Amino acid sequence: MRDIIITYLKANVVTGFGVSDKLPFNQNGEPLYLQNLKSLYVNQPTVEQEPLFDTLDAQAIVTETTIVECYVVTDAKTLPSNYDELVTAVKGVRQAATILGYTAKEVDTSTSIVDDTLVTQFVMEFTKVKT
């Protein structure tokens, strides 16, 4: 899933921004994305399963959600003029033709200030029903 998202982002990157192949954190857990402004970092996916219902014949149906986080950092004092375009482009990953078989695709965005930078985090959730 991570490779598909990176490929999508590289194909739809906004002028002035880049996409890193590196993970957003180093081996000590320190965020690399804080060191490189205007570079998108995509984390490894996590998968969660939640029971939807069990049947009497020991069958189970679950919802499986794959969660991928993406980070980008910009100058908080002077946002790039195409920042909104970048947010829209990243949120467009939910409509990527290469991500198939999911019943729900969501992208949530949050921001925080770290020193003089604006950290934008995208949480992408892809859910499917499995037996």
N, C-alpha and C. Protein backbone atom coordinates (compact mmCIF):
# COMPACT_ATOMS: atom_id res chain seq x y z
N MET A 1 0.83 -1.19 0.00
CA MET A 1 0.00 0.00 0.00
C MET A 1 0.88 1.26 0.00
N ARG A 2 1.95 1.25 0.79
CA ARG A 2 2.84 2.42 0.87
C ARG A 2 3.41 2.76 -0.51
N ASP A 3 3.85 1.74 -1.24
CA ASP A 3 4.42 1.96 -2.57
C ASP A 3 3.40 2.56 -3.53
N ILE A 4 2.17 2.09 -3.44
CA ILE A 4 1.11 2.61 -4.31
C ILE A 4 0.87 4.09 -4.01
N ILE A 5 0.85 4.44 -2.73
CA ILE A 5 0.62 5.83 -2.34
C ILE A 5 1.78 6.72 -2.78
N ILE A 6 3.01 6.25 -2.59
CA ILE A 6 4.18 7.03 -3.02
C ILE A 6 4.14 7.24 -4.53
N THR A 7 3.82 6.21 -5.28
CA THR A 7 3.73 6.34 -6.74
C THR A 7 2.67 7.36 -7.13
N TYR A 8 1.51 7.30 -6.45
CA TYR A 8 0.44 8.26 -6.74
C TYR A 8 0.92 9.69 -6.43
N LEU A 9 1.54 9.88 -5.26
CA LEU A 9 1.99 11.22 -4.87
C LEU A 9 3.04 11.77 -5.82
N LYS A 10 3.97 10.92 -6.26
CA LYS A 10 5.00 11.37 -7.20
C LYS A 10 4.38 11.78 -8.54
N ALA A 11 3.34 11.08 -8.95
CA ALA A 11 2.68 11.41 -10.22
C ALA A 11 1.82 12.67 -10.10
N ASN A 12 1.43 13.04 -8.88
CA ASN A 12 0.54 14.18 -8.68
C ASN A 12 1.16 15.25 -7.78
N VAL A 13 2.47 15.26 -7.68
CA VAL A 13 3.14 16.21 -6.78
C VAL A 13 2.92 17.64 -7.27
N VAL A 14 2.78 18.53 -6.33
CA VAL A 14 2.56 19.94 -6.61
C VAL A 14 3.92 20.63 -6.75
N THR A 15 4.03 21.56 -7.67
CA THR A 15 5.28 22.28 -7.90
C THR A 15 5.82 22.85 -6.59
N GLY A 16 7.10 22.62 -6.36
CA GLY A 16 7.76 23.12 -5.15
C GLY A 16 7.81 22.11 -4.02
N PHE A 17 7.10 21.00 -4.16
CA PHE A 17 7.09 19.94 -3.15
C PHE A 17 7.70 18.68 -3.75
N GLY A 18 8.20 17.82 -2.87
CA GLY A 18 8.77 16.56 -3.30
C GLY A 18 8.17 15.41 -2.51
N VAL A 19 8.51 14.20 -2.92
CA VAL A 19 8.05 13.00 -2.24
C VAL A 19 9.27 12.16 -1.91
N SER A 20 9.44 11.84 -0.64
CA SER A 20 10.58 11.05 -0.19
C SER A 20 10.24 9.57 -0.19
N ASP A 21 11.22 8.75 -0.54
CA ASP A 21 11.07 7.30 -0.45
C ASP A 21 11.38 6.80 0.95
N LYS A 22 11.97 7.68 1.78
CA LYS A 22 12.35 7.30 3.14
C LYS A 22 11.13 7.29 4.05
N LEU A 23 11.24 6.53 5.13
CA LEU A 23 10.20 6.55 6.16
C LEU A 23 10.27 7.87 6.91
N PRO A 24 9.18 8.32 7.53
CA PRO A 24 9.18 9.63 8.19
C PRO A 24 9.97 9.69 9.49
N PHE A 25 10.38 8.53 10.02
CA PHE A 25 11.11 8.51 11.28
C PHE A 25 12.42 7.74 11.11
N ASN A 26 13.47 8.16 11.84
CA ASN A 26 14.71 7.38 11.80
C ASN A 26 14.64 6.25 12.81
N GLN A 27 15.71 5.47 12.94
CA GLN A 27 15.70 4.31 13.81
C GLN A 27 15.53 4.67 15.28
N ASN A 28 15.79 5.91 15.65
CA ASN A 28 15.60 6.36 17.04
C ASN A 28 14.20 6.93 17.27
N GLY A 29 13.36 6.93 16.24
CA GLY A 29 12.01 7.44 16.37
C GLY A 29 11.89 8.94 16.19
N GLU A 30 12.98 9.60 15.79
CA GLU A 30 12.95 11.04 15.58
C GLU A 30 12.38 11.33 14.18
N PRO A 31 11.52 12.34 14.09
CA PRO A 31 10.89 12.63 12.79
C PRO A 31 11.86 13.24 11.78
N LEU A 32 12.02 12.57 10.65
CA LEU A 32 12.86 13.10 9.58
C LEU A 32 12.18 14.24 8.83
N TYR A 33 10.86 14.19 8.79
CA TYR A 33 10.13 15.20 8.02
C TYR A 33 10.34 16.61 8.56
N LEU A 34 10.76 16.75 9.81
CA LEU A 34 11.02 18.08 10.36
C LEU A 34 12.31 18.68 9.80
N GLN A 35 13.16 17.85 9.25
CA GLN A 35 14.44 18.31 8.71
C GLN A 35 14.34 18.76 7.26
N ASN A 36 13.32 18.32 6.55
CA ASN A 36 13.20 18.59 5.12
C ASN A 36 11.86 19.23 4.81
N LEU A 37 11.85 20.54 4.75
CA LEU A 37 10.61 21.25 4.43
C LEU A 37 10.14 20.89 3.03
N LYS A 38 8.84 20.86 2.86
CA LYS A 38 8.18 20.65 1.57
C LYS A 38 8.45 19.28 0.96
N SER A 39 8.70 18.30 1.79
CA SER A 39 8.90 16.95 1.30
C SER A 39 7.89 16.02 1.98
N LEU A 40 7.12 15.30 1.20
CA LEU A 40 6.12 14.37 1.73
C LEU A 40 6.79 13.06 2.15
N TYR A 41 6.45 12.60 3.35
CA TYR A 41 6.96 11.33 3.87
C TYR A 41 5.77 10.42 4.15
N VAL A 42 5.86 9.18 3.70
CA VAL A 42 4.78 8.21 3.88
C VAL A 42 5.26 7.11 4.80
N ASN A 43 4.50 6.83 5.86
CA ASN A 43 4.85 5.82 6.84
C ASN A 43 4.40 4.43 6.38
N GLN A 44 4.89 3.41 7.06
CA GLN A 44 4.45 2.04 6.80
C GLN A 44 2.98 1.90 7.21
N PRO A 45 2.22 1.10 6.50
CA PRO A 45 0.80 0.92 6.87
C PRO A 45 0.65 0.07 8.13
N THR A 46 -0.42 0.33 8.85
CA THR A 46 -0.84 -0.55 9.94
C THR A 46 -2.21 -1.09 9.55
N VAL A 47 -2.49 -2.31 10.01
CA VAL A 47 -3.75 -2.96 9.65
C VAL A 47 -4.49 -3.31 10.93
N GLU A 48 -5.76 -2.94 10.98
CA GLU A 48 -6.62 -3.25 12.12
C GLU A 48 -7.81 -4.06 11.63
N GLN A 49 -8.19 -5.05 12.41
CA GLN A 49 -9.40 -5.81 12.08
C GLN A 49 -10.38 -5.67 13.23
N GLU A 50 -11.64 -5.53 12.85
CA GLU A 50 -12.72 -5.42 13.83
C GLU A 50 -13.84 -6.36 13.41
N PRO A 51 -14.30 -7.20 14.34
CA PRO A 51 -15.38 -8.12 13.97
C PRO A 51 -16.65 -7.37 13.58
N LEU A 52 -17.22 -7.80 12.47
CA LEU A 52 -18.49 -7.23 12.04
C LEU A 52 -19.62 -8.09 12.60
N PHE A 53 -19.54 -9.41 12.36
CA PHE A 53 -20.43 -10.35 13.03
C PHE A 53 -19.91 -11.77 12.84
N ASP A 54 -20.28 -12.62 13.78
CA ASP A 54 -19.94 -14.05 13.74
C ASP A 54 -21.21 -14.83 13.43
N THR A 55 -21.04 -15.95 12.75
CA THR A 55 -22.19 -16.80 12.43
C THR A 55 -22.16 -18.06 13.27
N LEU A 56 -23.26 -18.79 13.30
CA LEU A 56 -23.35 -20.00 14.10
C LEU A 56 -22.45 -21.12 13.60
N ASP A 57 -22.08 -21.08 12.33
CA ASP A 57 -21.21 -22.13 11.80
C ASP A 57 -19.73 -21.76 11.88
N ALA A 58 -19.37 -20.93 12.85
CA ALA A 58 -17.99 -20.53 13.16
C ALA A 58 -17.34 -19.69 12.07
N GLN A 59 -18.11 -19.08 11.24
CA GLN A 59 -17.59 -18.15 10.24
C GLN A 59 -17.61 -16.74 10.85
N ALA A 60 -16.72 -15.92 10.39
CA ALA A 60 -16.67 -14.54 10.89
C ALA A 60 -16.50 -13.59 9.72
N ILE A 61 -17.12 -12.46 9.85
CA ILE A 61 -16.94 -11.38 8.87
C ILE A 61 -16.36 -10.21 9.64
N VAL A 62 -15.26 -9.67 9.12
CA VAL A 62 -14.57 -8.56 9.78
C VAL A 62 -14.39 -7.40 8.81
N THR A 63 -14.23 -6.24 9.38
CA THR A 63 -13.78 -5.11 8.59
C THR A 63 -12.29 -4.96 8.84
N GLU A 64 -11.55 -4.84 7.76
CA GLU A 64 -10.11 -4.68 7.86
C GLU A 64 -9.76 -3.29 7.34
N THR A 65 -9.10 -2.51 8.18
CA THR A 65 -8.74 -1.15 7.83
C THR A 65 -7.23 -1.02 7.76
N THR A 66 -6.74 -0.56 6.62
CA THR A 66 -5.33 -0.27 6.44
C THR A 66 -5.15 1.24 6.62
N ILE A 67 -4.27 1.61 7.54
CA ILE A 67 -4.05 3.02 7.88
C ILE A 67 -2.63 3.41 7.48
N VAL A 68 -2.52 4.50 6.71
CA VAL A 68 -1.21 5.00 6.28
C VAL A 68 -1.16 6.48 6.63
N GLU A 69 -0.07 6.88 7.28
CA GLU A 69 0.11 8.29 7.65
C GLU A 69 1.14 8.93 6.72
N CYS A 70 0.88 10.17 6.38
CA CYS A 70 1.76 10.95 5.51
C CYS A 70 2.00 12.30 6.16
N TYR A 71 3.22 12.81 6.07
CA TYR A 71 3.58 14.07 6.72
C TYR A 71 4.24 15.00 5.71
N VAL A 72 3.99 16.29 5.90
CA VAL A 72 4.71 17.32 5.15
C VAL A 72 4.85 18.54 6.08
N VAL A 73 5.97 19.22 5.96
CA VAL A 73 6.25 20.37 6.82
C VAL A 73 6.53 21.58 5.94
N THR A 74 5.93 22.70 6.32
CA THR A 74 6.14 23.96 5.62
C THR A 74 6.45 25.05 6.63
N ASP A 75 6.87 26.19 6.15
CA ASP A 75 7.12 27.34 7.02
C ASP A 75 5.77 27.85 7.54
N ALA A 76 5.63 27.94 8.84
CA ALA A 76 4.35 28.34 9.43
C ALA A 76 4.06 29.82 9.22
N LYS A 77 5.10 30.62 9.13
CA LYS A 77 4.90 32.07 8.99
C LYS A 77 4.49 32.45 7.58
N THR A 78 5.03 31.74 6.60
CA THR A 78 4.74 32.04 5.21
C THR A 78 4.40 30.75 4.49
N LEU A 79 3.11 30.42 4.47
CA LEU A 79 2.69 29.20 3.77
C LEU A 79 2.93 29.34 2.27
N PRO A 80 3.37 28.29 1.61
CA PRO A 80 3.50 28.36 0.15
C PRO A 80 2.14 28.69 -0.49
N SER A 81 2.17 29.41 -1.57
CA SER A 81 0.93 29.83 -2.22
C SER A 81 0.12 28.64 -2.72
N ASN A 82 0.78 27.51 -2.97
CA ASN A 82 0.08 26.34 -3.48
C ASN A 82 -0.14 25.28 -2.39
N TYR A 83 -0.12 25.67 -1.13
CA TYR A 83 -0.33 24.74 -0.02
C TYR A 83 -1.70 24.06 -0.12
N ASP A 84 -2.75 24.82 -0.39
CA ASP A 84 -4.09 24.24 -0.51
C ASP A 84 -4.16 23.25 -1.67
N GLU A 85 -3.45 23.55 -2.73
CA GLU A 85 -3.39 22.64 -3.88
C GLU A 85 -2.72 21.33 -3.48
N LEU A 86 -1.68 21.42 -2.65
CA LEU A 86 -1.01 20.21 -2.16
C LEU A 86 -1.96 19.37 -1.32
N VAL A 87 -2.68 20.00 -0.40
CA VAL A 87 -3.63 19.27 0.46
C VAL A 87 -4.67 18.56 -0.40
N THR A 88 -5.19 19.24 -1.40
CA THR A 88 -6.17 18.64 -2.30
C THR A 88 -5.57 17.46 -3.07
N ALA A 89 -4.34 17.61 -3.53
CA ALA A 89 -3.68 16.53 -4.28
C ALA A 89 -3.47 15.30 -3.42
N VAL A 90 -3.04 15.50 -2.18
CA VAL A 90 -2.81 14.35 -1.29
C VAL A 90 -4.13 13.68 -0.95
N LYS A 91 -5.16 14.46 -0.69
CA LYS A 91 -6.47 13.88 -0.39
C LYS A 91 -7.03 13.11 -1.58
N GLY A 92 -6.56 13.42 -2.78
CA GLY A 92 -7.01 12.74 -3.98
C GLY A 92 -6.57 11.28 -4.06
N VAL A 93 -5.68 10.86 -3.17
CA VAL A 93 -5.20 9.48 -3.18
C VAL A 93 -6.37 8.51 -2.97
N ARG A 94 -7.41 8.95 -2.31
CA ARG A 94 -8.55 8.06 -2.08
C ARG A 94 -9.26 7.69 -3.37
N GLN A 95 -9.02 8.46 -4.42
CA GLN A 95 -9.65 8.17 -5.71
C GLN A 95 -8.69 7.52 -6.69
N ALA A 96 -7.51 7.13 -6.22
CA ALA A 96 -6.51 6.53 -7.11
C ALA A 96 -7.05 5.23 -7.70
N ALA A 97 -6.89 5.09 -8.98
CA ALA A 97 -7.42 3.92 -9.69
C ALA A 97 -6.69 2.64 -9.30
N THR A 98 -5.50 2.76 -8.74
CA THR A 98 -4.71 1.58 -8.40
C THR A 98 -5.04 1.02 -7.01
N ILE A 99 -5.88 1.70 -6.26
CA ILE A 99 -6.26 1.22 -4.93
C ILE A 99 -7.68 0.66 -5.05
N LEU A 100 -7.73 -0.66 -5.23
CA LEU A 100 -9.00 -1.33 -5.51
C LEU A 100 -9.40 -2.26 -4.37
N GLY A 101 -10.70 -2.60 -4.33
CA GLY A 101 -11.19 -3.60 -3.40
C GLY A 101 -11.58 -3.08 -2.03
N TYR A 102 -11.62 -1.79 -1.85
CA TYR A 102 -11.98 -1.21 -0.55
C TYR A 102 -13.37 -0.61 -0.61
N THR A 103 -14.14 -0.81 0.45
CA THR A 103 -15.51 -0.29 0.49
C THR A 103 -15.56 1.14 0.99
N ALA A 104 -14.52 1.57 1.68
CA ALA A 104 -14.45 2.95 2.18
C ALA A 104 -13.02 3.44 2.10
N LYS A 105 -12.86 4.68 1.64
CA LYS A 105 -11.54 5.31 1.55
C LYS A 105 -11.68 6.71 2.13
N GLU A 106 -10.89 7.00 3.16
CA GLU A 106 -10.97 8.30 3.82
C GLU A 106 -9.57 8.89 3.99
N VAL A 107 -9.50 10.21 3.93
CA VAL A 107 -8.25 10.91 4.23
C VAL A 107 -8.59 12.06 5.17
N ASP A 108 -8.04 11.98 6.39
CA ASP A 108 -8.23 13.05 7.37
C ASP A 108 -6.94 13.85 7.47
N THR A 109 -7.08 15.15 7.69
CA THR A 109 -5.94 16.04 7.75
C THR A 109 -5.93 16.76 9.09
N SER A 110 -4.74 16.87 9.68
CA SER A 110 -4.58 17.68 10.89
C SER A 110 -3.27 18.44 10.80
N THR A 111 -3.20 19.54 11.51
CA THR A 111 -1.98 20.35 11.51
C THR A 111 -1.55 20.66 12.93
N SER A 112 -0.27 20.90 13.07
CA SER A 112 0.29 21.32 14.36
C SER A 112 1.48 22.23 14.08
N ILE A 113 1.83 23.03 15.06
CA ILE A 113 2.98 23.92 14.94
C ILE A 113 4.12 23.35 15.75
N VAL A 114 5.28 23.20 15.13
CA VAL A 114 6.50 22.77 15.81
C VAL A 114 7.55 23.83 15.49
N ASP A 115 7.97 24.55 16.53
CA ASP A 115 8.88 25.68 16.35
C ASP A 115 8.25 26.66 15.37
N ASP A 116 8.90 26.92 14.25
CA ASP A 116 8.36 27.86 13.25
C ASP A 116 7.81 27.13 12.03
N THR A 117 7.46 25.84 12.20
CA THR A 117 6.99 25.08 11.05
C THR A 117 5.56 24.59 11.28
N LEU A 118 4.86 24.42 10.19
CA LEU A 118 3.52 23.85 10.20
C LEU A 118 3.63 22.40 9.73
N VAL A 119 3.29 21.47 10.62
CA VAL A 119 3.33 20.04 10.29
C VAL A 119 1.92 19.64 9.89
N THR A 120 1.77 19.14 8.68
CA THR A 120 0.48 18.65 8.20
C THR A 120 0.56 17.13 8.14
N GLN A 121 -0.40 16.50 8.82
CA GLN A 121 -0.46 15.04 8.84
C GLN A 121 -1.72 14.59 8.13
N PHE A 122 -1.55 13.65 7.22
CA PHE A 122 -2.66 13.05 6.51
C PHE A 122 -2.79 11.62 7.02
N VAL A 123 -3.98 11.23 7.45
CA VAL A 123 -4.23 9.86 7.87
C VAL A 123 -5.18 9.26 6.84
N MET A 124 -4.67 8.28 6.11
CA MET A 124 -5.43 7.64 5.04
C MET A 124 -5.92 6.29 5.55
N GLU A 125 -7.23 6.07 5.45
CA GLU A 125 -7.83 4.82 5.91
C GLU A 125 -8.57 4.16 4.76
N PHE A 126 -8.21 2.89 4.52
CA PHE A 126 -8.83 2.10 3.46
C PHE A 126 -9.44 0.88 4.12
N THR A 127 -10.76 0.74 4.01
CA THR A 127 -11.49 -0.33 4.71
C THR A 127 -12.14 -1.27 3.71
N LYS A 128 -12.06 -2.58 4.03
CA LYS A 128 -12.76 -3.59 3.24
C LYS A 128 -13.34 -4.63 4.18
N VAL A 129 -14.32 -5.35 3.66
CA VAL A 129 -14.98 -6.41 4.43
C VAL A 129 -14.36 -7.74 4.02
N LYS A 130 -13.99 -8.54 5.02
CA LYS A 130 -13.36 -9.84 4.75
C LYS A 130 -14.09 -10.94 5.50
N THR A 131 -14.06 -12.13 4.94
CA THR A 131 -14.65 -13.29 5.62
C THR A 131 -13.56 -14.18 6.16
